[in-house]
Amino acid sequence: MIDKKLLDILVCPKCKTAVKEAGDRLVCQNTACGLRYPIRDGIPVMLIEQAEKPGEPANK
């Protein structure tokens, strides 16, 4: 689980929209973007290259 203070300041690096935690991912709230960023060992990986596009199966 990501600390609330950190989650409040994190944004999608591609579109600069807020993200929300959804399981082991942070999901961009912009429906046109919708990238999902993995959380590994409690650390969000906010790299566009590591993000999953909406509709793609989750990479583990």
Protein backbone atom coordinates (compact mmCIF):
# COMPACT_ATOMS: atom_id res chain seq x y z
CA MET A 1 0.00 0.00 0.00
CA ILE A 2 1.29 3.41 -1.01
CA ASP A 3 1.41 6.16 1.64
CA LYS A 4 -1.53 8.59 1.22
CA LYS A 5 0.78 11.64 1.19
CA LEU A 6 2.83 10.16 -1.65
CA LEU A 7 -0.27 9.11 -3.58
CA ASP A 8 -1.63 12.66 -3.30
CA ILE A 9 1.37 14.07 -5.19
CA LEU A 10 1.95 11.34 -7.78
CA VAL A 11 0.73 11.98 -11.32
CA CYS A 12 0.95 10.07 -14.58
CA PRO A 13 4.27 11.05 -16.21
CA LYS A 14 2.66 10.95 -19.66
CA CYS A 15 -0.43 13.16 -19.19
CA LYS A 16 0.14 14.67 -15.70
CA THR A 17 -3.23 13.41 -14.37
CA ALA A 18 -3.66 12.02 -10.84
CA VAL A 19 -3.28 8.29 -10.28
CA LYS A 20 -5.06 5.94 -7.89
CA GLU A 21 -3.98 2.68 -6.37
CA ALA A 22 -5.65 -0.44 -7.77
CA GLY A 23 -4.14 -3.61 -6.37
CA ASP A 24 -0.49 -3.82 -7.39
CA ARG A 25 -0.80 -0.95 -9.90
CA LEU A 26 -1.23 2.81 -9.97
CA VAL A 27 -3.82 3.72 -12.59
CA CYS A 28 -3.99 7.05 -14.43
CA GLN A 29 -7.40 8.66 -13.92
CA ASN A 30 -7.44 10.23 -17.38
CA THR A 31 -9.71 7.93 -19.42
CA ALA A 32 -7.93 8.94 -22.64
CA CYS A 33 -4.60 7.78 -21.16
CA GLY A 34 -5.36 5.12 -18.51
CA LEU A 35 -1.79 3.83 -18.20
CA ARG A 36 -1.18 1.37 -15.33
CA TYR A 37 2.12 1.65 -13.48
CA PRO A 38 3.42 -1.34 -11.49
CA ILE A 39 4.21 -1.23 -7.79
CA ARG A 40 7.25 -3.39 -7.03
CA ASP A 41 8.28 -4.09 -3.45
CA GLY A 42 6.11 -1.18 -2.31
CA ILE A 43 7.73 1.27 -4.74
CA PRO A 44 5.75 2.72 -7.66
CA VAL A 45 7.58 2.41 -10.98
CA MET A 46 6.47 5.61 -12.72
CA LEU A 47 8.21 5.00 -16.04
CA ILE A 48 6.14 5.24 -19.21
CA GLU A 49 8.17 2.37 -20.71
CA GLN A 50 7.14 0.12 -17.80
CA ALA A 51 3.44 1.06 -17.89
CA GLU A 52 0.69 -1.13 -19.28
CA LYS A 53 -1.85 0.33 -21.68
CA PRO A 54 -5.56 -0.07 -20.96
CA GLY A 55 -6.80 -3.45 -22.13
CA GLU A 56 -3.36 -5.08 -22.06
CA PRO A 57 -2.93 -8.08 -19.80
CA ALA A 58 -0.98 -7.40 -16.61
CA ASN A 59 2.73 -8.20 -16.81
CA LYS A 60 4.15 -9.76 -13.69
